[in-house]
């Protein structure tokens, strides 16, 4: 007897990125996750994926070897990944792919020389699933070190503000809940690809109140998805033809005008 494949129901299992998208714009969530419309990668996403892949390649082998790869090998891995993703990436007229790759490689090299030697990885790109607030949630933790510290890698075009942002705090609370940690020690390592690259490290301890907040948000988002009422957020600064791949569908379904 043939085994029947199980079809995933949109919104049945959530993730931090799904919640971020839903809170940013419910209509965007529906276009992306419910209707499954393709979303071309933006330059920032491609750059972030290439940096993550390079860091993963180093720290995975470091679990066994105990030493970091040469910086040239790590940056070359980054450039190779960036080039592989480049054909499926949408660059704006103001974005120079070669220049972006150079700035990303410089920030990665700085991180690899200044921070990587101090990291003793135990888990890398660890996918976890668990119920949070009664909702099945899945997430991928970038790295957990031998002392249990959760490390999340970010790339940014400018230096982040002081303190972990609410969006990052929610993500870290999700990771803490998925890993079953209380008072989880976390750190956000941001590779800033400015003209002079920087590495900004922000430490954060997830408390019970933040995990409770995450559970409530996941529950309310799941409930809202079940109600199948998806409203476009035209007031968001991210709502534009430049930032949203679904602006044509949004105008066609809801009318009005999405700004340039």
C-alpha atoms as a PDB file:
ATOM      1  CA  UNK A   1       0.000   0.000   0.000  1.00  0.00           C
ATOM      2  CA  UNK A   2       1.440   3.366  -1.031  1.00  0.00           C
ATOM      3  CA  UNK A   3       2.184   5.861   1.712  1.00  0.00           C
ATOM      4  CA  UNK A   4       0.195   9.071   1.345  1.00  0.00           C
ATOM      5  CA  UNK A   5       2.164  12.277   1.624  1.00  0.00           C
ATOM      6  CA  UNK A   6       1.058  14.715   4.287  1.00  0.00           C
ATOM      7  CA  UNK A   7       0.259  18.153   2.889  1.00  0.00           C
ATOM      8  CA  UNK A   8       1.272  20.966   5.223  1.00  0.00           C
ATOM      9  CA  UNK A   9      -1.519  23.414   6.012  1.00  0.00           C
ATOM     10  CA  UNK A  10      -0.367  27.061   5.822  1.00  0.00           C
ATOM     11  CA  UNK A  11      -0.109  28.492   9.315  1.00  0.00           C
ATOM     12  CA  UNK A  12      -0.354  25.094  11.021  1.00  0.00           C
ATOM     13  CA  UNK A  13       3.338  25.303  11.957  1.00  0.00           C
ATOM     14  CA  UNK A  14       4.863  28.746  12.519  1.00  0.00           C
ATOM     15  CA  UNK A  15       8.369  30.194  12.698  1.00  0.00           C
ATOM     16  CA  UNK A  16       9.859  33.513  13.819  1.00  0.00           C
ATOM     17  CA  UNK A  17      10.129  34.663  10.180  1.00  0.00           C
ATOM     18  CA  UNK A  18       6.463  33.822   9.542  1.00  0.00           C
ATOM     19  CA  UNK A  19       5.386  35.821  12.584  1.00  0.00           C
ATOM     20  CA  UNK A  20       7.595  38.736  11.532  1.00  0.00           C
ATOM     21  CA  UNK A  21       6.014  38.730   8.080  1.00  0.00           C
ATOM     22  CA  UNK A  22       2.470  38.450   9.478  1.00  0.00           C
ATOM     23  CA  UNK A  23       2.948  41.338  11.908  1.00  0.00           C
ATOM     24  CA  UNK A  24       4.552  43.414   9.168  1.00  0.00           C
ATOM     25  CA  UNK A  25       1.680  42.780   6.735  1.00  0.00           C
ATOM     26  CA  UNK A  26      -1.012  40.118   6.918  1.00  0.00           C
ATOM     27  CA  UNK A  27      -1.609  40.250   3.167  1.00  0.00           C
ATOM     28  CA  UNK A  28       2.083  39.674   2.502  1.00  0.00           C
ATOM     29  CA  UNK A  29       1.972  36.577   4.711  1.00  0.00           C
ATOM     30  CA  UNK A  30      -1.004  35.244   2.746  1.00  0.00           C
ATOM     31  CA  UNK A  31       0.639  35.886  -0.627  1.00  0.00           C
ATOM     32  CA  UNK A  32       3.879  34.232   0.487  1.00  0.00           C
ATOM     33  CA  UNK A  33       2.843  31.348   2.721  1.00  0.00           C
ATOM     34  CA  UNK A  34      -0.788  30.602   1.859  1.00  0.00           C
ATOM     35  CA  UNK A  35      -0.756  31.207  -1.894  1.00  0.00           C
ATOM     36  CA  UNK A  36       2.900  30.230  -2.247  1.00  0.00           C
ATOM     37  CA  UNK A  37       3.753  33.039  -4.666  1.00  0.00           C
ATOM     38  CA  UNK A  38       7.456  33.269  -5.520  1.00  0.00           C
ATOM     39  CA  UNK A  39       9.457  36.012  -3.823  1.00  0.00           C
ATOM     40  CA  UNK A  40      12.724  36.937  -5.558  1.00  0.00           C
ATOM     41  CA  UNK A  41      15.593  37.339  -3.123  1.00  0.00           C
ATOM     42  CA  UNK A  42      16.775  40.868  -2.369  1.00  0.00           C
ATOM     43  CA  UNK A  43      20.454  41.742  -2.182  1.00  0.00           C
ATOM     44  CA  UNK A  44      20.457  41.909   1.632  1.00  0.00           C
ATOM     45  CA  UNK A  45      18.974  38.409   1.885  1.00  0.00           C
ATOM     46  CA  UNK A  46      21.488  36.938  -0.562  1.00  0.00           C
ATOM     47  CA  UNK A  47      24.356  38.586   1.287  1.00  0.00           C
ATOM     48  CA  UNK A  48      23.084  37.268   4.613  1.00  0.00           C
ATOM     49  CA  UNK A  49      22.688  33.739   3.256  1.00  0.00           C
ATOM     50  CA  UNK A  50      26.242  33.762   1.880  1.00  0.00           C
ATOM     51  CA  UNK A  51      27.677  34.997   5.202  1.00  0.00           C
ATOM     52  CA  UNK A  52      25.714  32.362   7.134  1.00  0.00           C
ATOM     53  CA  UNK A  53      26.903  29.622   4.785  1.00  0.00           C
ATOM     54  CA  UNK A  54      30.543  30.665   5.205  1.00  0.00           C
ATOM     55  CA  UNK A  55      30.306  30.809   8.998  1.00  0.00           C
ATOM     56  CA  UNK A  56      28.513  27.466   9.046  1.00  0.00           C
ATOM     57  CA  UNK A  57      31.246  25.850   6.943  1.00  0.00           C
ATOM     58  CA  UNK A  58      33.877  27.014   9.420  1.00  0.00           C
ATOM     59  CA  UNK A  59      32.094  26.180  12.660  1.00  0.00           C
ATOM     60  CA  UNK A  60      30.827  22.765  11.524  1.00  0.00           C
ATOM     61  CA  UNK A  61      34.336  21.550  10.878  1.00  0.00           C
ATOM     62  CA  UNK A  62      35.604  23.288  14.028  1.00  0.00           C
ATOM     63  CA  UNK A  63      33.410  21.028  16.173  1.00  0.00           C
ATOM     64  CA  UNK A  64      35.621  18.146  15.044  1.00  0.00           C
ATOM     65  CA  UNK A  65      38.954  19.885  14.393  1.00  0.00           C
ATOM     66  CA  UNK A  66      38.956  22.442  17.200  1.00  0.00           C
ATOM     67  CA  UNK A  67      40.530  25.063  14.909  1.00  0.00           C
ATOM     68  CA  UNK A  68      39.226  27.659  12.485  1.00  0.00           C
ATOM     69  CA  UNK A  69      39.708  27.520   8.736  1.00  0.00           C
ATOM     70  CA  UNK A  70      42.109  30.059   7.178  1.00  0.00           C
ATOM     71  CA  UNK A  71      40.386  33.408   6.602  1.00  0.00           C
ATOM     72  CA  UNK A  72      40.992  33.192   2.855  1.00  0.00           C
ATOM     73  CA  UNK A  73      39.169  29.883   2.649  1.00  0.00           C
ATOM     74  CA  UNK A  74      36.170  31.262   4.532  1.00  0.00           C
ATOM     75  CA  UNK A  75      35.891  34.410   2.400  1.00  0.00           C
ATOM     76  CA  UNK A  76      36.295  32.361  -0.775  1.00  0.00           C
ATOM     77  CA  UNK A  77      33.437  30.107   0.358  1.00  0.00           C
ATOM     78  CA  UNK A  78      31.360  33.258   0.920  1.00  0.00           C
ATOM     79  CA  UNK A  79      32.115  34.606  -2.569  1.00  0.00           C
ATOM     80  CA  UNK A  80      31.302  31.277  -4.176  1.00  0.00           C
ATOM     81  CA  UNK A  81      27.947  31.110  -2.398  1.00  0.00           C
ATOM     82  CA  UNK A  82      27.181  34.739  -3.255  1.00  0.00           C
ATOM     83  CA  UNK A  83      27.891  34.121  -6.943  1.00  0.00           C
ATOM     84  CA  UNK A  84      25.749  30.976  -6.931  1.00  0.00           C
ATOM     85  CA  UNK A  85      22.813  32.955  -5.523  1.00  0.00           C
ATOM     86  CA  UNK A  86      23.382  36.029  -7.691  1.00  0.00           C
ATOM     87  CA  UNK A  87      21.319  34.915 -10.746  1.00  0.00           C
ATOM     88  CA  UNK A  88      18.162  34.566  -8.620  1.00  0.00           C
ATOM     89  CA  UNK A  89      18.656  37.865  -6.772  1.00  0.00           C
ATOM     90  CA  UNK A  90      16.954  41.165  -7.618  1.00  0.00           C
ATOM     91  CA  UNK A  91      19.405  44.060  -7.377  1.00  0.00           C
ATOM     92  CA  UNK A  92      18.230  47.658  -7.549  1.00  0.00           C
ATOM     93  CA  UNK A  93      19.831  50.132  -9.944  1.00  0.00           C
ATOM     94  CA  UNK A  94      21.770  51.583  -6.999  1.00  0.00           C
ATOM     95  CA  UNK A  95      23.202  48.229  -5.904  1.00  0.00           C
ATOM     96  CA  UNK A  96      26.498  46.980  -7.294  1.00  0.00           C
ATOM     97  CA  UNK A  97      26.747  43.184  -6.827  1.00  0.00           C
ATOM     98  CA  UNK A  98      30.558  43.169  -6.953  1.00  0.00           C
ATOM     99  CA  UNK A  99      30.771  45.975  -4.415  1.00  0.00           C
ATOM    100  CA  UNK A 100      28.305  44.219  -2.108  1.00  0.00           C
ATOM    101  CA  UNK A 101      30.362  41.027  -2.300  1.00  0.00           C
ATOM    102  CA  UNK A 102      33.520  42.973  -1.427  1.00  0.00           C
ATOM    103  CA  UNK A 103      31.908  44.661   1.579  1.00  0.00           C
ATOM    104  CA  UNK A 104      30.457  41.363   2.782  1.00  0.00           C
ATOM    105  CA  UNK A 105      33.817  39.612   2.440  1.00  0.00           C
ATOM    106  CA  UNK A 106      35.548  42.395   4.381  1.00  0.00           C
ATOM    107  CA  UNK A 107      33.032  42.226   7.249  1.00  0.00           C
ATOM    108  CA  UNK A 108      33.269  38.425   7.295  1.00  0.00           C
ATOM    109  CA  UNK A 109      37.082  38.528   7.386  1.00  0.00           C
ATOM    110  CA  UNK A 110      36.970  40.949  10.329  1.00  0.00           C
ATOM    111  CA  UNK A 111      34.574  38.676  12.224  1.00  0.00           C
ATOM    112  CA  UNK A 112      36.592  35.579  11.451  1.00  0.00           C
ATOM    113  CA  UNK A 113      39.809  37.163  12.697  1.00  0.00           C
ATOM    114  CA  UNK A 114      38.413  38.913  15.791  1.00  0.00           C
ATOM    115  CA  UNK A 115      35.554  36.701  17.023  1.00  0.00           C
ATOM    116  CA  UNK A 116      35.708  33.189  15.537  1.00  0.00           C
ATOM    117  CA  UNK A 117      38.828  32.131  17.529  1.00  0.00           C
ATOM    118  CA  UNK A 118      36.953  32.680  20.813  1.00  0.00           C
ATOM    119  CA  UNK A 119      33.943  30.550  19.814  1.00  0.00           C
ATOM    120  CA  UNK A 120      33.803  26.887  20.844  1.00  0.00           C
ATOM    121  CA  UNK A 121      30.841  25.558  18.867  1.00  0.00           C
ATOM    122  CA  UNK A 122      28.719  22.674  20.093  1.00  0.00           C
ATOM    123  CA  UNK A 123      25.803  22.937  17.627  1.00  0.00           C
ATOM    124  CA  UNK A 124      25.592  24.713  14.273  1.00  0.00           C
ATOM    125  CA  UNK A 125      22.443  25.481  12.255  1.00  0.00           C
ATOM    126  CA  UNK A 126      20.391  23.403  14.662  1.00  0.00           C
ATOM    127  CA  UNK A 127      16.769  22.931  13.570  1.00  0.00           C
ATOM    128  CA  UNK A 128      14.339  22.488  16.472  1.00  0.00           C
ATOM    129  CA  UNK A 129      10.582  21.972  16.700  1.00  0.00           C
ATOM    130  CA  UNK A 130       8.406  22.376  19.762  1.00  0.00           C
ATOM    131  CA  UNK A 131       5.040  23.734  20.814  1.00  0.00           C
ATOM    132  CA  UNK A 132       5.103  27.325  22.061  1.00  0.00           C
ATOM    133  CA  UNK A 133       1.829  28.648  23.408  1.00  0.00           C
ATOM    134  CA  UNK A 134       0.119  25.536  22.075  1.00  0.00           C
ATOM    135  CA  UNK A 135       1.377  26.186  18.531  1.00  0.00           C
ATOM    136  CA  UNK A 136       3.900  23.966  16.714  1.00  0.00           C
ATOM    137  CA  UNK A 137       6.917  26.187  16.061  1.00  0.00           C
ATOM    138  CA  UNK A 138      10.080  25.473  14.113  1.00  0.00           C
ATOM    139  CA  UNK A 139      13.309  27.454  14.135  1.00  0.00           C
ATOM    140  CA  UNK A 140      16.961  27.164  13.202  1.00  0.00           C
ATOM    141  CA  UNK A 141      19.543  28.329  15.769  1.00  0.00           C
ATOM    142  CA  UNK A 142      22.713  29.592  14.103  1.00  0.00           C
ATOM    143  CA  UNK A 143      25.088  28.398  16.811  1.00  0.00           C
ATOM    144  CA  UNK A 144      25.195  27.152  20.403  1.00  0.00           C
ATOM    145  CA  UNK A 145      28.581  27.148  22.100  1.00  0.00           C
ATOM    146  CA  UNK A 146      29.928  24.635  24.614  1.00  0.00           C
ATOM    147  CA  UNK A 147      28.621  26.747  27.522  1.00  0.00           C
ATOM    148  CA  UNK A 148      25.086  26.863  26.105  1.00  0.00           C
ATOM    149  CA  UNK A 149      25.304  30.417  24.746  1.00  0.00           C
ATOM    150  CA  UNK A 150      22.930  30.932  21.792  1.00  0.00           C
ATOM    151  CA  UNK A 151      24.571  33.003  19.050  1.00  0.00           C
ATOM    152  CA  UNK A 152      22.580  34.563  16.203  1.00  0.00           C
ATOM    153  CA  UNK A 153      24.418  35.958  13.175  1.00  0.00           C
ATOM    154  CA  UNK A 154      23.158  39.070  11.400  1.00  0.00           C
ATOM    155  CA  UNK A 155      24.358  41.295   8.573  1.00  0.00           C
ATOM    156  CA  UNK A 156      23.461  44.963   8.348  1.00  0.00           C
ATOM    157  CA  UNK A 157      24.222  48.031   6.264  1.00  0.00           C
ATOM    158  CA  UNK A 158      24.543  50.231   9.348  1.00  0.00           C
ATOM    159  CA  UNK A 159      25.404  49.865  13.006  1.00  0.00           C
ATOM    160  CA  UNK A 160      22.443  48.595  15.089  1.00  0.00           C
ATOM    161  CA  UNK A 161      21.054  50.741  17.872  1.00  0.00           C
ATOM    162  CA  UNK A 162      21.873  50.037  21.497  1.00  0.00           C
ATOM    163  CA  UNK A 163      20.156  46.984  22.888  1.00  0.00           C
ATOM    164  CA  UNK A 164      18.604  44.039  21.117  1.00  0.00           C
ATOM    165  CA  UNK A 165      15.632  45.095  18.983  1.00  0.00           C
ATOM    166  CA  UNK A 166      12.132  43.782  19.859  1.00  0.00           C
ATOM    167  CA  UNK A 167      12.187  41.675  16.689  1.00  0.00           C
ATOM    168  CA  UNK A 168      15.485  40.046  17.658  1.00  0.00           C
ATOM    169  CA  UNK A 169      14.312  39.631  21.269  1.00  0.00           C
ATOM    170  CA  UNK A 170      11.250  37.715  20.021  1.00  0.00           C
ATOM    171  CA  UNK A 171      13.481  35.520  17.871  1.00  0.00           C
ATOM    172  CA  UNK A 172      15.813  34.786  20.779  1.00  0.00           C
ATOM    173  CA  UNK A 173      12.862  34.007  23.068  1.00  0.00           C
ATOM    174  CA  UNK A 174      11.691  31.511  20.448  1.00  0.00           C
ATOM    175  CA  UNK A 175      15.106  29.866  20.378  1.00  0.00           C
ATOM    176  CA  UNK A 176      15.202  29.693  24.176  1.00  0.00           C
ATOM    177  CA  UNK A 177      11.750  28.096  24.280  1.00  0.00           C
ATOM    178  CA  UNK A 178      12.626  25.633  21.506  1.00  0.00           C
ATOM    179  CA  UNK A 179      15.775  24.553  23.325  1.00  0.00           C
ATOM    180  CA  UNK A 180      14.000  24.323  26.680  1.00  0.00           C
ATOM    181  CA  UNK A 181      16.322  26.816  28.352  1.00  0.00           C
ATOM    182  CA  UNK A 182      15.313  29.142  31.181  1.00  0.00           C
ATOM    183  CA  UNK A 183      17.164  32.433  31.534  1.00  0.00           C
ATOM    184  CA  UNK A 184      18.912  31.563  28.269  1.00  0.00           C
ATOM    185  CA  UNK A 185      22.092  33.487  27.550  1.00  0.00           C
ATOM    186  CA  UNK A 186      22.065  34.813  23.996  1.00  0.00           C
ATOM    187  CA  UNK A 187      24.154  37.060  21.794  1.00  0.00           C
ATOM    188  CA  UNK A 188      23.460  38.766  18.498  1.00  0.00           C
ATOM    189  CA  UNK A 189      26.623  39.150  16.411  1.00  0.00           C
ATOM    190  CA  UNK A 190      26.053  41.723  13.661  1.00  0.00           C
ATOM    191  CA  UNK A 191      28.496  42.032  10.771  1.00  0.00           C
ATOM    192  CA  UNK A 192      28.173  45.647   9.638  1.00  0.00           C
ATOM    193  CA  UNK A 193      29.185  46.037   5.989  1.00  0.00           C
ATOM    194  CA  UNK A 194      29.996  49.736   6.047  1.00  0.00           C
ATOM    195  CA  UNK A 195      32.985  51.263   4.252  1.00  0.00           C
ATOM    196  CA  UNK A 196      34.996  50.405   7.344  1.00  0.00           C
ATOM    197  CA  UNK A 197      33.525  47.049   8.454  1.00  0.00           C
ATOM    198  CA  UNK A 198      32.475  46.564  12.060  1.00  0.00           C
ATOM    199  CA  UNK A 199      31.378  43.719  14.291  1.00  0.00           C
ATOM    200  CA  UNK A 200      28.764  44.590  16.933  1.00  0.00           C
ATOM    201  CA  UNK A 201      27.959  42.077  19.680  1.00  0.00           C
ATOM    202  CA  UNK A 202      24.801  42.477  21.769  1.00  0.00           C
ATOM    203  CA  UNK A 203      24.180  40.216  24.739  1.00  0.00           C
ATOM    204  CA  UNK A 204      20.701  39.354  25.954  1.00  0.00           C
ATOM    205  CA  UNK A 205      19.242  37.053  28.613  1.00  0.00           C
ATOM    206  CA  UNK A 206      15.781  35.686  27.811  1.00  0.00           C
ATOM    207  CA  UNK A 207      13.518  35.719  30.857  1.00  0.00           C
ATOM    208  CA  UNK A 208      10.227  33.944  31.574  1.00  0.00           C
ATOM    209  CA  UNK A 209       8.188  37.036  30.696  1.00  0.00           C
ATOM    210  CA  UNK A 210       9.652  37.147  27.186  1.00  0.00           C
ATOM    211  CA  UNK A 211       8.916  33.442  26.643  1.00  0.00           C
ATOM    212  CA  UNK A 212       5.346  34.032  27.846  1.00  0.00           C
ATOM    213  CA  UNK A 213       5.034  36.931  25.395  1.00  0.00           C
ATOM    214  CA  UNK A 214       6.282  34.738  22.555  1.00  0.00           C
ATOM    215  CA  UNK A 215       3.717  32.073  23.422  1.00  0.00           C
ATOM    216  CA  UNK A 216       0.870  34.592  23.394  1.00  0.00           C
ATOM    217  CA  UNK A 217       2.001  36.082  20.066  1.00  0.00           C
ATOM    218  CA  UNK A 218       2.281  32.678  18.396  1.00  0.00           C
ATOM    219  CA  UNK A 219      -1.184  31.774  19.680  1.00  0.00           C
ATOM    220  CA  UNK A 220      -2.785  35.029  18.500  1.00  0.00           C
ATOM    221  CA  UNK A 221      -1.099  34.886  15.095  1.00  0.00           C
ATOM    222  CA  UNK A 222      -2.260  31.278  14.651  1.00  0.00           C
ATOM    223  CA  UNK A 223      -5.792  32.327  15.615  1.00  0.00           C
ATOM    224  CA  UNK A 224      -5.751  35.263  13.186  1.00  0.00           C
ATOM    225  CA  UNK A 225      -4.538  33.022  10.357  1.00  0.00           C
ATOM    226  CA  UNK A 226      -7.378  30.633  11.142  1.00  0.00           C
ATOM    227  CA  UNK A 227      -9.854  33.511  10.787  1.00  0.00           C
ATOM    228  CA  UNK A 228      -8.529  33.976   7.205  1.00  0.00           C
ATOM    229  CA  UNK A 229      -8.799  37.766   7.321  1.00  0.00           C
ATOM    230  CA  UNK A 230      -5.667  39.244   5.783  1.00  0.00           C
ATOM    231  CA  UNK A 231      -5.360  43.036   5.641  1.00  0.00           C
ATOM    232  CA  UNK A 232      -2.581  44.880   3.760  1.00  0.00           C
ATOM    233  CA  UNK A 233      -0.520  47.246   5.895  1.00  0.00           C
ATOM    234  CA  UNK A 234      -0.097  50.173   3.524  1.00  0.00           C
ATOM    235  CA  UNK A 235       1.049  52.355   6.447  1.00  0.00           C
ATOM    236  CA  UNK A 236       4.227  50.323   6.933  1.00  0.00           C
ATOM    237  CA  UNK A 237       7.466  51.951   5.812  1.00  0.00           C
ATOM    238  CA  UNK A 238       8.260  48.579   4.235  1.00  0.00           C
ATOM    239  CA  UNK A 239       5.153  48.768   2.035  1.00  0.00           C
ATOM    240  CA  UNK A 240       6.550  49.844  -1.319  1.00  0.00           C
ATOM    241  CA  UNK A 241       7.183  48.461  -4.764  1.00  0.00           C
ATOM    242  CA  UNK A 242      10.879  48.409  -3.912  1.00  0.00           C
ATOM    243  CA  UNK A 243      10.502  46.394  -0.702  1.00  0.00           C
ATOM    244  CA  UNK A 244       7.609  44.045  -1.482  1.00  0.00           C
ATOM    245  CA  UNK A 245       7.601  41.490  -4.270  1.00  0.00           C
ATOM    246  CA  UNK A 246       3.810  41.151  -4.028  1.00  0.00           C
ATOM    247  CA  UNK A 247       2.792  44.756  -4.743  1.00  0.00           C
ATOM    248  CA  UNK A 248       1.119  43.845  -8.053  1.00  0.00           C
ATOM    249  CA  UNK A 249      -1.007  41.143  -6.408  1.00  0.00           C
ATOM    250  CA  UNK A 250      -1.802  43.528  -3.563  1.00  0.00           C
ATOM    251  CA  UNK A 251      -3.052  46.248  -5.893  1.00  0.00           C
ATOM    252  CA  UNK A 252      -5.005  43.720  -7.960  1.00  0.00           C
ATOM    253  CA  UNK A 253      -6.762  42.199  -4.921  1.00  0.00           C
ATOM    254  CA  UNK A 254      -7.212  45.221  -2.677  1.00  0.00           C
ATOM    255  CA  UNK A 255      -7.086  48.180  -5.095  1.00  0.00           C
ATOM    256  CA  UNK A 256      -5.395  51.430  -4.224  1.00  0.00           C
ATOM    257  CA  UNK A 257      -1.755  52.209  -4.925  1.00  0.00           C
ATOM    258  CA  UNK A 258       1.472  50.851  -3.473  1.00  0.00           C
ATOM    259  CA  UNK A 259       4.050  53.622  -3.450  1.00  0.00           C
ATOM    260  CA  UNK A 260       7.268  53.425  -5.426  1.00  0.00           C
END
